[in-house]
Each structure stands twice: as structure tokens, then as C-alpha cells.
Protein backbone atom coordinates (compact mmCIF):
# COMPACT_ATOMS: atom_id res chain seq x y z
CA MET A 1 29.36 -1.28 37.79
CA LEU A 2 28.38 -3.93 35.24
CA TYR A 3 24.81 -3.72 36.55
CA PHE A 4 24.60 -0.02 35.70
CA ILE A 5 26.19 -0.60 32.29
CA PHE A 6 23.55 -3.22 31.44
CA ILE A 7 20.78 -0.84 32.58
CA ALA A 8 22.20 1.96 30.43
CA ILE A 9 22.30 -0.35 27.39
CA ALA A 10 18.71 -1.45 27.99
CA LEU A 11 17.52 2.12 28.33
CA SER A 12 19.34 3.21 25.20
CA LYS A 13 17.65 0.45 23.22
CA ASN A 14 14.23 1.52 24.44
CA ALA A 15 14.84 5.26 24.24
CA LYS A 16 12.33 7.19 22.18
CA MET A 17 13.48 8.67 18.92
CA ASP A 18 12.85 12.26 17.89
CA ILE A 19 11.43 11.98 14.38
CA ASN A 20 9.29 14.59 12.64
CA LEU A 21 6.78 13.62 9.95
CA THR A 22 5.18 16.63 8.28
CA ILE A 23 2.15 16.20 6.06
CA GLY A 24 0.93 19.02 3.82
CA LEU A 25 -2.79 19.09 3.00
CA ASP A 26 -5.19 21.13 0.89
CA PHE A 27 -8.92 21.05 1.58
CA SER A 28 -9.88 20.55 -2.08
CA ASP A 29 -7.52 17.58 -2.53
CA ASN A 30 -8.15 13.97 -1.44
CA SER A 31 -4.87 12.40 -2.57
CA TYR A 32 -3.81 11.90 1.07
CA MET A 33 -6.46 9.20 1.59
CA GLU A 34 -4.45 6.19 0.42
CA PHE A 35 -1.42 7.15 2.52
CA PHE A 36 -3.57 7.76 5.62
CA GLY A 37 -5.27 4.39 5.15
CA ASN A 38 -1.92 2.57 5.07
CA PHE A 39 -0.26 4.67 7.74
CA SER A 40 -3.12 4.22 10.22
CA LYS A 41 -1.94 0.61 10.71
CA HIS A 42 1.44 1.78 12.03
CA TYR A 43 0.83 5.22 13.50
CA ASP A 44 -0.04 4.27 17.09
CA GLU A 45 3.18 2.32 17.62
CA LEU A 46 5.29 5.00 15.92
CA GLN A 47 3.63 7.81 17.88
CA GLN A 48 4.31 5.98 21.16
CA ASN A 49 7.97 5.70 20.18
CA GLY A 50 8.69 9.34 19.44
CA LEU A 51 7.22 10.08 16.02
CA LYS A 52 5.80 13.60 15.94
CA LEU A 53 3.15 14.17 13.29
CA ASN A 54 2.92 17.76 12.05
CA ILE A 55 0.08 18.92 9.82
CA ALA A 56 0.41 21.87 7.45
CA GLN A 57 -2.92 23.05 6.06
CA HIS A 58 -2.99 25.29 2.99
CA LEU A 59 -4.45 28.68 3.89
CA LEU A 60 -5.50 31.38 1.43
CA PRO A 61 -4.38 34.99 1.86
CA CYS A 62 -6.74 37.97 1.94
CA TYR A 63 -4.63 40.94 0.97
CA SER A 64 -7.63 43.29 0.69
CA CYS A 65 -8.77 42.48 4.23
CA TYR A 66 -5.84 44.30 5.76
CA THR A 67 -6.13 47.13 3.26
CA ARG A 68 -9.84 47.60 3.93
CA HIS A 69 -10.03 47.20 7.70
CA GLN A 70 -6.69 45.91 9.10
CA PHE A 71 -8.28 42.52 10.02
CA LYS A 72 -10.78 44.18 12.32
CA GLU A 73 -13.99 43.09 10.61
CA GLN A 74 -15.59 39.69 10.15
CA GLU A 75 -15.19 38.00 6.76
CA LYS A 76 -17.41 35.16 5.52
CA HIS A 77 -14.58 33.00 4.26
CA CYS A 78 -11.99 33.93 6.88
CA LEU A 79 -11.15 33.86 10.57
CA GLY A 80 -8.96 36.36 12.35
CA GLY A 81 -10.62 39.16 10.42
CA GLY A 82 -8.99 37.93 7.22
CA ARG A 83 -5.68 36.62 8.54
CA TYR A 84 -6.67 33.02 7.71
CA CYS A 85 -8.97 32.22 4.80
CA GLN A 86 -10.36 29.28 2.81
CA TYR A 87 -12.86 28.95 0.00
CA SER A 88 -15.29 26.38 -1.40
CA ASP A 89 -18.27 26.48 -3.73
CA TYR A 90 -20.53 24.58 -1.33
CA VAL A 91 -19.52 25.68 2.17
CA SER A 92 -18.19 28.85 3.80
CA GLY A 93 -14.48 29.33 4.40
CA GLN A 94 -15.17 29.79 8.11
CA THR A 95 -16.68 26.30 8.30
CA ILE A 96 -13.60 24.81 6.63
CA LEU A 97 -11.23 26.67 8.97
CA LYS A 98 -13.15 25.50 12.04
CA GLU A 99 -12.85 21.94 10.71
CA PHE A 100 -9.09 22.49 10.50
CA LEU A 101 -9.15 23.47 14.17
CA LEU A 102 -11.17 20.38 15.07
CA GLN A 103 -8.82 18.03 13.20
CA GLN A 104 -5.74 19.59 14.76
CA CYS A 105 -7.25 19.31 18.24
CA VAL A 106 -8.10 15.64 17.61
CA LEU A 107 -4.42 15.16 16.74
CA GLU A 108 -3.32 16.94 19.91
CA VAL A 109 -5.87 15.52 22.36
CA LEU A 110 -6.80 12.10 20.89
CA PRO A 111 -3.98 11.28 18.43
CA GLN A 112 -5.08 7.64 18.17
CA HIS A 113 -8.27 8.82 16.41
CA TYR A 114 -6.75 11.41 14.10
CA LEU A 115 -6.10 9.31 10.99
CA ASN A 116 -9.34 7.36 11.17
CA TYR A 117 -11.34 10.54 11.67
CA THR A 118 -9.71 12.39 8.76
CA ILE A 119 -10.26 9.36 6.51
CA TYR A 120 -13.92 9.31 7.54
CA PHE A 121 -14.22 13.06 6.98
CA GLY A 122 -12.64 12.86 3.53
CA GLN A 123 -14.94 10.02 2.49
CA GLN A 124 -18.22 11.14 4.04
CA CYS A 125 -18.30 14.82 4.94
CA LYS A 126 -16.70 17.03 2.33
CA LYS A 127 -19.82 17.56 0.25
CA SER A 128 -22.52 17.13 2.84
CA SER A 129 -23.50 18.93 6.00
CA MET A 130 -19.96 18.99 7.37
CA VAL A 131 -20.70 19.92 10.97
CA ALA A 132 -23.44 17.30 11.45
CA CYS A 133 -21.41 14.66 9.58
CA SER A 134 -18.40 15.33 11.79
CA LYS A 135 -20.46 14.98 14.97
CA ASN A 136 -21.80 11.63 13.75
CA TYR A 137 -18.30 10.15 13.79
CA PHE A 138 -17.75 10.91 17.46
CA THR A 139 -21.27 9.87 18.40
CA ASN A 140 -21.08 6.57 16.53
CA HIS A 141 -17.69 5.75 18.09
CA ASN A 142 -18.77 6.86 21.56
CA ILE A 143 -15.96 9.43 21.77
CA SER A 144 -16.35 12.40 24.10
CA THR A 145 -15.60 15.71 22.38
CA GLU A 146 -15.27 17.72 25.59
CA ALA A 147 -11.46 17.85 25.47
CA ILE A 148 -11.53 18.58 21.73
CA ASN A 149 -13.96 21.47 22.15
CA LYS A 150 -11.84 22.92 24.96
CA CYS A 151 -8.75 22.68 22.75
CA ILE A 152 -10.57 24.60 19.99
CA GLU A 153 -11.79 27.25 22.41
CA ASP A 154 -8.35 27.68 23.97
CA SER A 155 -6.73 28.06 20.55
CA PHE A 156 -8.26 31.56 20.21
CA ASP A 157 -6.42 34.45 21.84
CA LYS A 158 -8.24 35.18 25.09
CA SER A 159 -6.55 38.53 25.58
CA GLU A 160 -8.48 40.06 22.66
CA VAL A 161 -11.88 41.34 23.79
CA VAL A 162 -13.47 41.02 20.35
CA ASN A 163 -15.66 38.66 18.38
CA GLN A 164 -14.13 35.17 18.06
CA GLU A 165 -14.13 35.41 14.24
CA ILE A 166 -11.72 38.35 14.50
CA LYS A 167 -9.35 36.89 17.10
CA THR A 168 -5.96 35.46 16.22
CA ASN A 169 -5.70 31.70 16.58
CA ARG A 170 -2.57 29.79 17.60
CA ILE A 171 -3.32 26.77 15.36
CA LEU A 172 -4.12 28.79 12.25
CA GLU A 173 -1.22 31.10 13.01
CA GLN A 174 1.04 28.06 13.06
CA TYR A 175 -0.29 26.96 9.66
CA LYS A 176 0.24 30.47 8.32
CA LYS A 177 3.88 30.52 9.46
CA MET A 178 4.53 27.15 7.79
CA GLU A 179 3.64 28.83 4.47
CA TYR A 180 2.39 25.65 2.86
CA ASN A 181 1.17 26.88 -0.54
CA GLN A 182 0.78 23.61 -2.45
CA THR A 183 -2.61 22.35 -3.51
CA SER A 184 -1.92 18.63 -3.07
CA PHE A 185 -0.70 16.12 -0.51
CA SER A 186 3.00 16.37 0.45
CA LEU A 187 5.13 14.28 2.79
CA TYR A 188 8.33 15.30 4.59
CA LEU A 189 10.40 13.11 6.91
CA ASP A 190 12.72 15.28 9.01
CA SER A 191 12.55 17.98 6.30
CA SER A 192 13.37 15.47 3.54
CA ASP A 193 10.73 15.33 0.79
CA GLN A 194 9.29 11.79 0.54
CA THR A 195 6.18 12.64 -1.49
CA ASP A 196 7.18 10.73 -4.62
CA LEU A 197 8.07 7.49 -2.81
CA THR A 198 5.72 4.52 -2.75
CA TYR A 199 4.33 3.69 0.68
CA ASN A 200 6.64 0.69 1.08
CA GLU A 201 9.67 2.77 0.14
CA PHE A 202 8.60 5.37 2.70
CA LEU A 203 8.37 2.66 5.39
CA GLN A 204 11.93 1.59 4.61
CA LYS A 205 13.13 5.17 5.04
CA LEU A 206 11.22 5.47 8.29
CA CYS A 207 12.59 2.20 9.67
CA GLN A 208 16.12 3.45 9.05
CA LYS A 209 15.41 6.28 11.52
CA TYR A 210 14.65 3.86 14.36
CA THR A 211 18.16 2.72 15.23
CA ASN A 212 17.71 2.36 19.01
CA VAL A 213 14.02 1.57 19.26
CA SER A 214 12.24 -1.70 18.65
CA ILE A 215 9.43 -1.26 16.10
CA SER A 216 7.47 -4.41 15.33
CA PHE A 217 7.36 -4.07 11.54
CA CYS A 218 10.98 -2.88 11.44
CA ASP A 219 12.44 -5.52 13.80
CA HIS A 220 12.05 -8.25 11.24
CA ALA A 221 14.03 -6.01 8.89
CA GLU A 222 11.61 -6.78 6.13
CA THR A 223 9.16 -4.13 5.14
CA PRO A 224 6.52 -5.39 2.70
CA VAL A 225 8.82 -4.61 -0.24
CA LYS A 226 11.62 -6.72 1.22
CA GLN A 227 9.21 -9.54 1.99
CA VAL A 228 8.07 -9.66 -1.62
CA GLU A 229 11.65 -9.49 -2.91
CA ASN A 230 12.82 -12.25 -0.57
CA ALA A 231 9.80 -14.40 -1.39
CA ASN A 232 10.58 -14.09 -5.10
CA ALA A 233 14.25 -14.86 -4.46
CA ASN A 234 13.35 -17.96 -2.45
CA ALA A 235 10.95 -19.10 -5.17
CA ASN A 236 13.66 -18.69 -7.81
CA THR A 237 16.19 -20.56 -5.67
CA SER A 238 13.73 -23.36 -5.10
CA THR A 239 12.92 -23.55 -8.81
CA ASN A 240 16.60 -23.63 -9.75
CA ALA A 241 17.44 -26.20 -7.07
CA ASN A 242 14.94 -28.83 -8.22
CA PRO A 243 16.69 -29.80 -11.50
CA LEU A 244 20.09 -29.94 -9.75
CA GLU A 245 18.64 -32.14 -7.08
CA GLN A 246 17.18 -34.47 -9.68
CA VAL A 247 20.53 -34.72 -11.54
CA PHE A 248 22.34 -35.43 -8.28
CA LEU A 249 19.90 -38.20 -7.36
CA PHE A 250 20.23 -39.73 -10.83
CA ILE A 251 24.05 -39.79 -10.65
CA PHE A 252 23.94 -41.17 -7.12
CA ALA A 253 21.56 -43.96 -8.18
CA LEU A 254 23.77 -44.74 -11.19
CA ILE A 255 26.86 -45.04 -8.98
CA ILE A 256 25.01 -47.39 -6.63
CA LEU A 257 23.95 -49.56 -9.57
CA ILE A 258 27.53 -49.71 -10.92
CA ILE A 259 28.93 -50.65 -7.52
CA ALA A 260 26.23 -53.26 -7.01
CA GLY A 261 26.77 -54.72 -10.47
CA SER A 262 30.55 -54.83 -10.08
CA GLY A 263 30.29 -56.50 -6.67
CA GLY A 264 27.85 -59.08 -7.96
CA TRP A 265 30.07 -59.94 -10.91
CA THR A 266 33.12 -60.40 -8.63
CA LEU A 267 31.17 -62.60 -6.25
CA LEU A 268 29.92 -64.73 -9.13
CA ASN A 269 33.45 -65.25 -10.44
CA LYS A 270 34.67 -66.31 -7.00
CA ILE A 271 31.92 -68.88 -6.72
CA GLN A 272 32.72 -70.35 -10.14
CA PHE A 273 36.51 -70.42 -9.52
CA GLY A 274 36.12 -71.92 -6.03
CA SER A 275 34.04 -74.81 -7.35
CA SER A 276 36.95 -76.02 -9.54
CA LEU A 277 39.13 -76.50 -6.44
CA VAL A 278 36.74 -78.88 -4.72
CA PRO A 279 38.34 -82.41 -4.78
CA LYS A 280 36.49 -85.11 -6.67
CA SER A 281 36.04 -88.68 -5.43
CA ARG A 282 39.35 -90.48 -4.66
CA ILE A 283 38.42 -93.31 -7.04
CA ALA A 284 38.31 -90.96 -9.97
CA ILE A 285 41.73 -89.38 -9.35
CA PRO A 286 44.80 -91.39 -10.52
CA LYS A 287 48.12 -90.74 -8.77
CA LEU A 288 51.53 -91.11 -10.39
CA GLU A 289 54.07 -93.05 -8.39
CA GLY A 290 57.30 -93.73 -10.16
CA ASP A 291 56.72 -95.37 -13.47
CA HIS A 292 53.37 -96.95 -12.87
CA ILE A 293 49.91 -95.92 -11.94
CA ILE A 294 48.89 -96.66 -8.43
CA GLN A 295 45.33 -97.81 -8.37
CA GLU A 296 43.03 -97.50 -5.42
CA ASP A 297 43.32 -101.18 -4.79
CA ASP A 298 47.08 -100.94 -4.34
CA ILE A 299 46.82 -98.55 -1.39
């Protein structure tokens, strides 16, 4: 029985957590870059221990598309016949939407590459030839895109016998249902808004979620903020301790000197007093015997 209890305890400690991290993004905004750069150091371990990363991309509505043709005609800046739209001054909305599909499929198929790829894309590709720039990342890192391309292809509704640009898409439909309408980076941990926290404060919040799972940077119970605080506290303690230590050593040395001096003085007195008790030569000491002095010769 005890054997099974120990196994149950071990399994509970290593059980995966169910934690949702939702990140809201807008194509025209790059404020996510700093967070992604920091989070990329921890994501693999967190993802392996139950963290689910959800992406919400900001889509634009096309109200006139339904009015004009009920989403049945192709639109330059839209997919799904106008169900999902984006806009930019230097690239078509369709190109942006297809990049959304690619990024989401990287997250689903090769999650270990998602953050690094999106960082690369944000730094290198947003105002260049996006498609060619994107391909360069996978080529330079020797990453096969076969599974990614299949994911993109499968995301379109196969039951609709129409042009792909008019088909509904499960990924973009998911973004549409999330109704993310902000134009900047947002961060939600299990539906709790963490956008305004510093990265270190966010890590502390995240570590509190992992109660039964061992996470390397949480196990030591000191996120970078705590490490800095504890280092400062230790420095202050050390600084305050030095003067006290010096005072203690001075008092201790003074006590030793007093004891040594007192002992030496006592010893000196004993030596001087003892020397007066030493008998002198018998010739020099007269002895009284009755009424006369007995000289040495009389003995």
C-alpha cells in the first residue's frame, strides 16, 4: 500500500498543469518583441509542462463585403470573401492574413520555433518582401516546412468547392471569435490581464501557477526580481555587520589586555612578597633566649 502511495505522490508532483497564456497581437504593432525575446528563454520548458499558448490576432471587419456579395467574391485585403481582413500601406491584406496562418501553424506544428520565428519576422520581414523573407528563416535554419504547409492547407474548409480566397478558415475563424480589437500587445494569464506587469513580475505570477510541477527557474523560488532583492538585502546586512564585528573584536581585545595586565600584576606582587620570606644567613639573625642574646658561637 505504501508503495502505491509513494507512486501517487511522485506522479502528482510531476503532473502537468493546465495553464493558458493568451497573447493579443496587431500586425502594425511591434511592442510584443521585448516580451517574446525574454519569454523565448523559458517557453520550451513551460510548454512541456502544460502551458498552452494562445494567439489572438487583430482582424479587421468588412461590413460592405457581406452587403455587396455575401462573402462570395474575392477581396484584395481579405480572405473568406471578406470575413477576415487586414490592411497595410505596403503589402496586401491577403499576404498578411496568410502570414497569420503560417505563424499559427508554426505554433501548432513546431512550437519550439514559434517565438524565434516571430521575433525574426518582426525584425526582418515586415517592410520587405515578406514571403521571401519568411522562407529565408526556414532555409537558413534547415527547417522543413512540409508539415507547416499542410497545416495551412488543411485550415481551409475542404467542403466548399470554391476559390481558396473565398473559403472559411478555421484559424482565422478562431481569431474572429476571440474578438480581439486592440491595436497593441496584450497579455492574459488564465483570463487575468497581465499586460501592465514587468516581465519579472509576470514570471512571479506564472511561477505561482506551478504548484505541483518542478520548473527550473521557479524551483529556486527566486525569479530575477527576488534575486536582485535578496542580493541587495545580503549586501546591506554585510555592510551593517562589518562595524559591529569591528566593535566586538575591539572589546574582546580590550578584555584580553585587562585580564593579562591584572594577572601579570598579581604574579609580580607574589614574587616580591615571597622574596621577603626567604631566610637570610644564620649568622646574621640574632635569637632571643631569656635575657641575653645567644650568639652563633654559643650554640
